[in-house]
PDB file of N, CA and C in Angstrom:
ATOM      1  N   MET A   1       3.473   7.855   5.761  1.00  0.00           N
ATOM      2  CA  MET A   1       2.898   8.054   7.521  1.00  0.00           C
ATOM      3  C   MET A   1       3.698   6.547   7.861  1.00  0.00           C
ATOM      4  N   HIS A   2       3.238   7.012   9.370  1.00  0.00           N
ATOM      5  CA  HIS A   2       4.087   5.543   9.993  1.00  0.00           C
ATOM      6  C   HIS A   2       3.066   5.749  11.834  1.00  0.00           C
ATOM      7  N   ARG A   3       2.395   4.441  12.174  1.00  0.00           N
ATOM      8  CA  ARG A   3       1.764   4.707  12.666  1.00  0.00           C
ATOM      9  C   ARG A   3       2.169   3.969  14.692  1.00  0.00           C
ATOM     10  N   GLU A   4       2.334   3.788  14.756  1.00  0.00           N
ATOM     11  CA  GLU A   4       2.729   2.411  15.994  1.00  0.00           C
ATOM     12  C   GLU A   4       1.869   0.740  16.283  1.00  0.00           C
ATOM     13  N   SER A   5       0.771   1.784  16.210  1.00  0.00           N
ATOM     14  CA  SER A   5       0.075   0.086  15.936  1.00  0.00           C
ATOM     15  C   SER A   5      -0.092   0.228  14.682  1.00  0.00           C
ATOM     16  N   HIS A   6      -0.505  -1.556  14.413  1.00  0.00           N
ATOM     17  CA  HIS A   6      -0.325  -1.852  13.123  1.00  0.00           C
ATOM     18  C   HIS A   6      -2.601  -2.223  12.769  1.00  0.00           C
ATOM     19  N   LEU A   7      -2.838  -2.882  12.199  1.00  0.00           N
ATOM     20  CA  LEU A   7      -4.076  -3.200  11.405  1.00  0.00           C
ATOM     21  C   LEU A   7      -5.153  -1.820  11.248  1.00  0.00           C
ATOM     22  N   PHE A   8      -4.553  -0.475  11.548  1.00  0.00           N
ATOM     23  CA  PHE A   8      -5.643   0.540  11.013  1.00  0.00           C
ATOM     24  C   PHE A   8      -5.495   1.014   9.676  1.00  0.00           C
ATOM     25  N   LEU A   9      -7.023   0.618   9.040  1.00  0.00           N
ATOM     26  CA  LEU A   9      -6.890   1.130   7.782  1.00  0.00           C
ATOM     27  C   LEU A   9      -7.350   2.815   7.508  1.00  0.00           C
ATOM     28  N   ASP A  10      -5.599   2.783   6.675  1.00  0.00           N
ATOM     29  CA  ASP A  10      -5.696   4.382   6.726  1.00  0.00           C
ATOM     30  C   ASP A  10      -6.271   4.932   5.095  1.00  0.00           C
ATOM     31  N   LEU A  11      -6.369   5.632   4.424  1.00  0.00           N
ATOM     32  CA  LEU A  11      -6.762   5.977   3.338  1.00  0.00           C
ATOM     33  C   LEU A  11      -6.308   8.028   2.838  1.00  0.00           C
ATOM     34  N   THR A  12      -6.378   7.163   1.912  1.00  0.00           N
ATOM     35  CA  THR A  12      -4.818   8.663   0.973  1.00  0.00           C
ATOM     36  C   THR A  12      -4.745   9.215  -0.434  1.00  0.00           C
ATOM     37  N   VAL A  13      -4.817  10.091  -0.101  1.00  0.00           N
ATOM     38  CA  VAL A  13      -5.525  10.483  -1.528  1.00  0.00           C
ATOM     39  C   VAL A  13      -3.877  10.744  -1.964  1.00  0.00           C
ATOM     40  N   VAL A  14      -3.465  10.806  -3.216  1.00  0.00           N
ATOM     41  CA  VAL A  14      -2.791  10.759  -4.493  1.00  0.00           C
ATOM     42  C   VAL A  14      -2.904  11.699  -4.730  1.00  0.00           C
ATOM     43  N   PRO A  15      -2.279  13.491  -5.020  1.00  0.00           N
ATOM     44  CA  PRO A  15      -2.399  14.225  -6.153  1.00  0.00           C
ATOM     45  C   PRO A  15      -2.197  14.032  -7.599  1.00  0.00           C
ATOM     46  N   PRO A  16      -2.319  13.927  -8.535  1.00  0.00           N
ATOM     47  CA  PRO A  16      -1.845  13.969  -9.686  1.00  0.00           C
ATOM     48  C   PRO A  16      -0.977  14.035  -9.969  1.00  0.00           C
ATOM     49  N   SER A  17      -0.151  12.868 -10.351  1.00  0.00           N
ATOM     50  CA  SER A  17       1.429  12.968 -11.207  1.00  0.00           C
ATOM     51  C   SER A  17       2.704  13.010  -9.372  1.00  0.00           C
ATOM     52  N   VAL A  18       1.865  12.664  -8.239  1.00  0.00           N
ATOM     53  CA  VAL A  18       2.791  13.258  -6.988  1.00  0.00           C
ATOM     54  C   VAL A  18       3.178  11.908  -6.848  1.00  0.00           C
ATOM     55  N   GLU A  19       4.226  11.346  -6.055  1.00  0.00           N
ATOM     56  CA  GLU A  19       5.096   9.840  -5.828  1.00  0.00           C
ATOM     57  C   GLU A  19       4.360   9.474  -4.455  1.00  0.00           C
ATOM     58  N   LEU A  20       3.386   8.856  -3.973  1.00  0.00           N
ATOM     59  CA  LEU A  20       3.447   8.423  -2.656  1.00  0.00           C
ATOM     60  C   LEU A  20       4.606   6.878  -2.670  1.00  0.00           C
ATOM     61  N   THR A  21       5.615   7.177  -1.404  1.00  0.00           N
ATOM     62  CA  THR A  21       6.249   5.882  -0.206  1.00  0.00           C
ATOM     63  C   THR A  21       5.577   5.380   0.430  1.00  0.00           C
ATOM     64  N   ILE A  22       5.019   3.891   1.073  1.00  0.00           N
ATOM     65  CA  ILE A  22       3.871   3.771   2.336  1.00  0.00           C
ATOM     66  C   ILE A  22       5.457   2.524   2.623  1.00  0.00           C
ATOM     67  N   ASP A  23       5.730   3.893   3.916  1.00  0.00           N
ATOM     68  CA  ASP A  23       7.190   3.110   4.474  1.00  0.00           C
ATOM     69  C   ASP A  23       6.453   2.580   6.231  1.00  0.00           C
ATOM     70  N   SER A  24       5.725   2.000   5.880  1.00  0.00           N
ATOM     71  CA  SER A  24       5.127   1.429   7.614  1.00  0.00           C
ATOM     72  C   SER A  24       6.158   0.234   7.683  1.00  0.00           C
ATOM     73  N   PRO A  25       5.850  -0.251   8.730  1.00  0.00           N
ATOM     74  CA  PRO A  25       6.408  -1.714   8.703  1.00  0.00           C
ATOM     75  C   PRO A  25       5.563  -3.060   8.978  1.00  0.00           C
ATOM     76  N   GLY A  26       6.438  -4.081   9.116  1.00  0.00           N
ATOM     77  CA  GLY A  26       5.609  -5.521   8.165  1.00  0.00           C
ATOM     78  C   GLY A  26       5.049  -5.050   7.131  1.00  0.00           C
ATOM     79  N   TRP A  27       4.278  -6.235   6.234  1.00  0.00           N
ATOM     80  CA  TRP A  27       3.122  -6.425   5.784  1.00  0.00           C
ATOM     81  C   TRP A  27       2.425  -5.402   5.035  1.00  0.00           C
ATOM     82  N   ARG A  28       2.598  -4.583   3.843  1.00  0.00           N
ATOM     83  CA  ARG A  28       1.172  -4.091   3.630  1.00  0.00           C
ATOM     84  C   ARG A  28       0.746  -3.164   2.175  1.00  0.00           C
ATOM     85  N   PHE A  29      -0.758  -3.385   2.702  1.00  0.00           N
ATOM     86  CA  PHE A  29      -1.898  -4.115   1.709  1.00  0.00           C
ATOM     87  C   PHE A  29      -2.543  -3.036   1.223  1.00  0.00           C
ATOM     88  N   VAL A  30      -1.987  -2.779   0.556  1.00  0.00           N
ATOM     89  CA  VAL A  30      -2.532  -1.336  -0.328  1.00  0.00           C
ATOM     90  C   VAL A  30      -4.341  -1.960  -1.736  1.00  0.00           C
ATOM     91  N   LEU A  31      -5.243  -0.835  -1.478  1.00  0.00           N
ATOM     92  CA  LEU A  31      -6.418  -0.839  -2.606  1.00  0.00           C
ATOM     93  C   LEU A  31      -6.326   0.136  -3.181  1.00  0.00           C
ATOM     94  N   VAL A  32      -6.465   0.084  -4.727  1.00  0.00           N
ATOM     95  CA  VAL A  32      -6.756   1.648  -5.482  1.00  0.00           C
ATOM     96  C   VAL A  32      -8.610   1.702  -5.016  1.00  0.00           C
ATOM     97  N   GLN A  33      -8.524   2.189  -4.392  1.00  0.00           N
ATOM     98  CA  GLN A  33     -10.443   2.952  -4.458  1.00  0.00           C
ATOM     99  C   GLN A  33     -10.720   3.786  -5.665  1.00  0.00           C
ATOM    100  N   GLN A  34      -9.927   4.361  -5.897  1.00  0.00           N
ATOM    101  CA  GLN A  34     -10.230   4.908  -7.065  1.00  0.00           C
ATOM    102  C   GLN A  34      -9.285   5.368  -7.620  1.00  0.00           C
ATOM    103  N   GLY A  35      -8.932   6.241  -8.724  1.00  0.00           N
ATOM    104  CA  GLY A  35      -8.367   7.333  -9.715  1.00  0.00           C
ATOM    105  C   GLY A  35      -7.484   5.531 -10.200  1.00  0.00           C
ATOM    106  N   HIS A  36      -7.045   6.017 -11.269  1.00  0.00           N
ATOM    107  CA  HIS A  36      -5.465   5.317 -11.619  1.00  0.00           C
ATOM    108  C   HIS A  36      -3.836   6.028 -11.339  1.00  0.00           C
ATOM    109  N   GLY A  37      -2.930   4.681 -11.667  1.00  0.00           N
ATOM    110  CA  GLY A  37      -2.011   4.696 -11.296  1.00  0.00           C
ATOM    111  C   GLY A  37      -0.354   3.754 -11.680  1.00  0.00           C
ATOM    112  N   TYR A  38       0.498   4.194 -10.917  1.00  0.00           N
ATOM    113  CA  TYR A  38       1.358   3.137 -10.975  1.00  0.00           C
ATOM    114  C   TYR A  38       1.956   2.042  -9.904  1.00  0.00           C
ATOM    115  N   LEU A  39       2.245   1.425  -9.727  1.00  0.00           N
ATOM    116  CA  LEU A  39       3.347   0.472  -8.526  1.00  0.00           C
ATOM    117  C   LEU A  39       4.889   0.417  -9.434  1.00  0.00           C
ATOM    118  N   PHE A  40       5.554   1.498  -8.509  1.00  0.00           N
ATOM    119  CA  PHE A  40       7.373   1.170  -9.489  1.00  0.00           C
ATOM    120  C   PHE A  40       7.703   0.211  -7.710  1.00  0.00           C
ATOM    121  N   ALA A  41       7.440  -1.300  -8.351  1.00  0.00           N
ATOM    122  CA  ALA A  41       8.712  -1.929  -7.516  1.00  0.00           C
ATOM    123  C   ALA A  41       9.436  -2.332  -7.936  1.00  0.00           C
ATOM    124  N   LYS A  42      10.733  -2.707  -8.297  1.00  0.00           N
ATOM    125  CA  LYS A  42      12.110  -3.060  -8.652  1.00  0.00           C
ATOM    126  C   LYS A  42      11.650  -4.712  -8.437  1.00  0.00           C
ATOM    127  N   PRO A  43      12.011  -5.060 -10.012  1.00  0.00           N
ATOM    128  CA  PRO A  43      12.547  -4.853 -11.505  1.00  0.00           C
ATOM    129  C   PRO A  43      11.334  -3.790 -12.067  1.00  0.00           C
ATOM    130  N   GLU A  44      10.115  -3.799 -12.212  1.00  0.00           N
ATOM    131  CA  GLU A  44       8.673  -3.843 -12.474  1.00  0.00           C
ATOM    132  C   GLU A  44       8.704  -2.974 -12.600  1.00  0.00           C
ATOM    133  N   VAL A  45       7.287  -2.735 -13.251  1.00  0.00           N
ATOM    134  CA  VAL A  45       6.691  -0.899 -12.612  1.00  0.00           C
ATOM    135  C   VAL A  45       5.369  -1.264 -13.347  1.00  0.00           C
ATOM    136  N   LYS A  46       4.582  -1.154 -12.366  1.00  0.00           N
ATOM    137  CA  LYS A  46       2.813  -1.890 -12.528  1.00  0.00           C
ATOM    138  C   LYS A  46       1.969  -1.219 -12.676  1.00  0.00           C
ATOM    139  N   PRO A  47       1.134  -0.818 -13.562  1.00  0.00           N
ATOM    140  CA  PRO A  47      -0.132  -0.598 -13.710  1.00  0.00           C
ATOM    141  C   PRO A  47      -1.643  -0.742 -13.087  1.00  0.00           C
ATOM    142  N   LEU A  48      -2.395   0.510 -12.508  1.00  0.00           N
ATOM    143  CA  LEU A  48      -3.146   0.408 -11.001  1.00  0.00           C
ATOM    144  C   LEU A  48      -4.202   0.730 -11.079  1.00  0.00           C
ATOM    145  N   ASN A  49      -5.771  -0.095 -11.638  1.00  0.00           N
ATOM    146  CA  ASN A  49      -6.521   0.750 -11.635  1.00  0.00           C
ATOM    147  C   ASN A  49      -7.466   0.726 -10.620  1.00  0.00           C
ATOM    148  N   THR A  50      -8.957   1.172 -10.854  1.00  0.00           N
ATOM    149  CA  THR A  50      -9.333   1.201  -9.333  1.00  0.00           C
ATOM    150  C   THR A  50     -10.522  -0.199  -9.625  1.00  0.00           C
ATOM    151  N   GLY A  51     -10.038   0.042  -8.051  1.00  0.00           N
ATOM    152  CA  GLY A  51     -10.498  -2.317  -8.156  1.00  0.00           C
ATOM    153  C   GLY A  51      -9.103  -3.041  -7.373  1.00  0.00           C
ATOM    154  N   ASP A  52      -7.734  -2.260  -8.187  1.00  0.00           N
ATOM    155  CA  ASP A  52      -6.438  -3.120  -8.078  1.00  0.00           C
ATOM    156  C   ASP A  52      -6.132  -3.359  -6.462  1.00  0.00           C
ATOM    157  N   ALA A  53      -5.390  -4.679  -5.917  1.00  0.00           N
ATOM    158  CA  ALA A  53      -5.031  -4.710  -4.527  1.00  0.00           C
ATOM    159  C   ALA A  53      -3.385  -5.185  -4.591  1.00  0.00           C
ATOM    160  N   VAL A  54      -2.605  -4.910  -4.029  1.00  0.00           N
ATOM    161  CA  VAL A  54      -1.828  -4.824  -3.386  1.00  0.00           C
ATOM    162  C   VAL A  54      -0.974  -5.530  -3.141  1.00  0.00           C
ATOM    163  N   MET A  55      -0.227  -6.601  -2.175  1.00  0.00           N
ATOM    164  CA  MET A  55       0.358  -7.100  -1.051  1.00  0.00           C
ATOM    165  C   MET A  55       1.569  -7.169  -0.706  1.00  0.00           C
ATOM    166  N   ILE A  56       2.516  -5.969  -0.011  1.00  0.00           N
ATOM    167  CA  ILE A  56       4.031  -5.499  -0.325  1.00  0.00           C
ATOM    168  C   ILE A  56       4.668  -6.172   1.040  1.00  0.00           C
ATOM    169  N   SER A  57       5.408  -7.042   0.462  1.00  0.00           N
ATOM    170  CA  SER A  57       6.729  -7.352   1.089  1.00  0.00           C
ATOM    171  C   SER A  57       7.448  -6.456   2.366  1.00  0.00           C
ATOM    172  N   PRO A  58       7.897  -7.082   3.664  1.00  0.00           N
ATOM    173  CA  PRO A  58       8.185  -5.927   4.895  1.00  0.00           C
ATOM    174  C   PRO A  58       9.869  -5.646   4.164  1.00  0.00           C
ATOM    175  N   ARG A  59      10.738  -6.667   3.205  1.00  0.00           N
ATOM    176  CA  ARG A  59      11.678  -6.513   2.713  1.00  0.00           C
ATOM    177  C   ARG A  59      11.979  -5.469   1.590  1.00  0.00           C
ATOM    178  N   ALA A  60      10.284  -5.541   0.556  1.00  0.00           N
ATOM    179  CA  ALA A  60      10.852  -4.977  -0.994  1.00  0.00           C
ATOM    180  C   ALA A  60       9.955  -2.671  -0.255  1.00  0.00           C
ATOM    181  N   ALA A  61      10.736  -2.447  -1.271  1.00  0.00           N
ATOM    182  CA  ALA A  61      10.587  -1.633  -2.018  1.00  0.00           C
ATOM    183  C   ALA A  61       9.669  -0.699  -2.505  1.00  0.00           C
ATOM    184  N   ALA A  62       7.860   0.484  -2.608  1.00  0.00           N
ATOM    185  CA  ALA A  62       7.044   0.297  -3.891  1.00  0.00           C
ATOM    186  C   ALA A  62       7.272   1.886  -3.106  1.00  0.00           C
ATOM    187  N   VAL A  63       6.691   2.526  -4.705  1.00  0.00           N
ATOM    188  CA  VAL A  63       6.616   4.218  -5.033  1.00  0.00           C
ATOM    189  C   VAL A  63       5.264   4.314  -5.602  1.00  0.00           C
ATOM    190  N   PHE A  64       4.112   4.365  -4.923  1.00  0.00           N
ATOM    191  CA  PHE A  64       3.044   4.114  -5.932  1.00  0.00           C
ATOM    192  C   PHE A  64       3.012   5.600  -6.378  1.00  0.00           C
ATOM    193  N   ARG A  65       2.853   6.032  -7.957  1.00  0.00           N
ATOM    194  CA  ARG A  65       2.302   7.247  -8.700  1.00  0.00           C
ATOM    195  C   ARG A  65       0.653   7.460  -8.798  1.00  0.00           C
ATOM    196  N   ALA A  66       0.005   8.592  -8.772  1.00  0.00           N
ATOM    197  CA  ALA A  66      -0.919   8.830  -9.526  1.00  0.00           C
ATOM    198  C   ALA A  66      -0.334   9.480 -10.937  1.00  0.00           C
ATOM    199  N   SER A  67      -1.398   8.674 -11.722  1.00  0.00           N
ATOM    200  CA  SER A  67      -1.596   9.767 -13.270  1.00  0.00           C
ATOM    201  C   SER A  67      -1.858  11.103 -13.462  1.00  0.00           C
ATOM    202  N   GLN A  68      -0.772  11.304 -14.476  1.00  0.00           N
ATOM    203  CA  GLN A  68      -1.171  12.866 -14.729  1.00  0.00           C
ATOM    204  C   GLN A  68      -2.804  13.256 -14.217  1.00  0.00           C
ATOM    205  N   ILE A  69      -3.596  12.696 -15.208  1.00  0.00           N
ATOM    206  CA  ILE A  69      -4.784  13.049 -15.307  1.00  0.00           C
ATOM    207  C   ILE A  69      -5.341  13.303 -14.120  1.00  0.00           C
ATOM    208  N   GLY A  70      -5.725  12.151 -12.971  1.00  0.00           N
ATOM    209  CA  GLY A  70      -6.120  12.756 -12.201  1.00  0.00           C
ATOM    210  C   GLY A  70      -5.677  12.369 -10.924  1.00  0.00           C
ATOM    211  N   GLU A  71      -6.347  12.500  -9.427  1.00  0.00           N
ATOM    212  CA  GLU A  71      -6.014  11.494  -8.077  1.00  0.00           C
ATOM    213  C   GLU A  71      -6.020   9.917  -8.546  1.00  0.00           C
ATOM    214  N   MET A  72      -5.377   9.703  -7.106  1.00  0.00           N
ATOM    215  CA  MET A  72      -5.154   8.181  -7.024  1.00  0.00           C
ATOM    216  C   MET A  72      -6.007   8.090  -5.117  1.00  0.00           C
ATOM    217  N   THR A  73      -6.413   8.013  -5.260  1.00  0.00           N
ATOM    218  CA  THR A  73      -7.419   7.064  -3.524  1.00  0.00           C
ATOM    219  C   THR A  73      -6.748   5.676  -2.804  1.00  0.00           C
ATOM    220  N   LEU A  74      -6.018   6.072  -2.566  1.00  0.00           N
ATOM    221  CA  LEU A  74      -5.487   4.823  -1.434  1.00  0.00           C
ATOM    222  C   LEU A  74      -6.128   4.295  -0.194  1.00  0.00           C
ATOM    223  N   ALA A  75      -6.352   3.260   0.244  1.00  0.00           N
ATOM    224  CA  ALA A  75      -6.947   2.114   1.024  1.00  0.00           C
ATOM    225  C   ALA A  75      -5.138   1.756   2.159  1.00  0.00           C
ATOM    226  N   HIS A  76      -5.018   1.417   3.177  1.00  0.00           N
ATOM    227  CA  HIS A  76      -3.863   0.578   2.863  1.00  0.00           C
ATOM    228  C   HIS A  76      -3.745   0.269   4.657  1.00  0.00           C
ATOM    229  N   PHE A  77      -3.080  -0.227   5.000  1.00  0.00           N
ATOM    230  CA  PHE A  77      -2.683  -0.828   5.890  1.00  0.00           C
ATOM    231  C   PHE A  77      -1.868  -1.403   6.363  1.00  0.00           C
ATOM    232  N   HIS A  78      -1.282  -2.233   7.012  1.00  0.00           N
ATOM    233  CA  HIS A  78       0.225  -3.458   7.458  1.00  0.00           C
ATOM    234  C   HIS A  78      -0.815  -4.196   8.806  1.00  0.00           C
ATOM    235  N   VAL A  79       0.181  -4.953   8.737  1.00  0.00           N
ATOM    236  CA  VAL A  79       0.073  -6.069   9.350  1.00  0.00           C
ATOM    237  C   VAL A  79       1.163  -6.282  10.128  1.00  0.00           C
ATOM    238  N   LEU A  80       1.809  -6.735  11.464  1.00  0.00           N
ATOM    239  CA  LEU A  80       2.813  -7.402  12.069  1.00  0.00           C
ATOM    240  C   LEU A  80       2.746  -9.118  12.140  1.00  0.00           C
ATOM    241  N   PRO A  81       2.952  -9.352  11.413  1.00  0.00           N
ATOM    242  CA  PRO A  81       3.220 -10.071  12.193  1.00  0.00           C
ATOM    243  C   PRO A  81       2.832 -11.072  13.150  1.00  0.00           C
ATOM    244  N   ASP A  82       3.897 -10.635  14.427  1.00  0.00           N
ATOM    245  CA  ASP A  82       4.658 -10.860  15.829  1.00  0.00           C
ATOM    246  C   ASP A  82       3.597  -9.853  16.480  1.00  0.00           C
ATOM    247  N   LEU A  83       3.156  -9.514  15.920  1.00  0.00           N
ATOM    248  CA  LEU A  83       2.101  -9.420  17.233  1.00  0.00           C
ATOM    249  C   LEU A  83       0.175  -9.264  17.128  1.00  0.00           C
ATOM    250  N   LEU A  84       0.792 -10.531  16.562  1.00  0.00           N
ATOM    251  CA  LEU A  84      -0.586 -11.672  15.763  1.00  0.00           C
ATOM    252  C   LEU A  84      -0.902 -12.769  17.032  1.00  0.00           C
ATOM    253  N   THR A  85      -0.039 -13.294  17.918  1.00  0.00           N
ATOM    254  CA  THR A  85       0.425 -13.841  18.687  1.00  0.00           C
ATOM    255  C   THR A  85      -0.988 -14.792  19.511  1.00  0.00           C
ATOM    256  N   GLY A  86      -1.668 -15.867  19.020  1.00  0.00           N
ATOM    257  CA  GLY A  86      -2.557 -16.372  19.984  1.00  0.00           C
ATOM    258  C   GLY A  86      -3.850 -15.360  18.889  1.00  0.00           C
ATOM    259  N   LEU A  87      -3.207 -15.736  18.340  1.00  0.00           N
ATOM    260  CA  LEU A  87      -4.965 -14.203  16.796  1.00  0.00           C
ATOM    261  C   LEU A  87      -4.591 -15.845  16.057  1.00  0.00           C
ATOM    262  N   LEU A  88      -3.747 -16.277  15.942  1.00  0.00           N
ATOM    263  CA  LEU A  88      -3.011 -17.375  14.589  1.00  0.00           C
ATOM    264  C   LEU A  88      -2.102 -18.886  14.835  1.00  0.00           C
ATOM    265  N   THR A  89      -2.901 -19.683  15.637  1.00  0.00           N
ATOM    266  CA  THR A  89      -1.696 -20.820  14.951  1.00  0.00           C
ATOM    267  C   THR A  89      -1.599 -21.521  14.471  1.00  0.00           C
ATOM    268  N   LEU A  90      -0.595 -21.962  14.698  1.00  0.00           N
ATOM    269  CA  LEU A  90      -0.025 -23.026  12.981  1.00  0.00           C
ATOM    270  C   LEU A  90      -1.400 -24.483  12.585  1.00  0.00           C
ATOM    271  N   ALA A  91      -1.594 -24.640  13.972  1.00  0.00           N
ATOM    272  CA  ALA A  91      -2.817 -25.439  13.215  1.00  0.00           C
ATOM    273  C   ALA A  91      -3.667 -25.540  12.659  1.00  0.00           C
TER     274      ALA A  91
END
């Protein structure tokens, strides 16, 4: 799923045992709203539960997989820092 703009909150329901790659540009922020699953990010696999949040670097690849028992609902958005000029300053 890719949008031209950033800072839009998306909700994605991942069915049981299905993998999802969020390949948006920029920094990706993901919250597990409901369910359980796993985050496959080299070199490790992290279990995810309801309420867990992850931030993924623009250079990193990450795959989410819902557990075999039930679906997982992810709330996610991406941020492109270059488009935030004037909003954030070095001061």
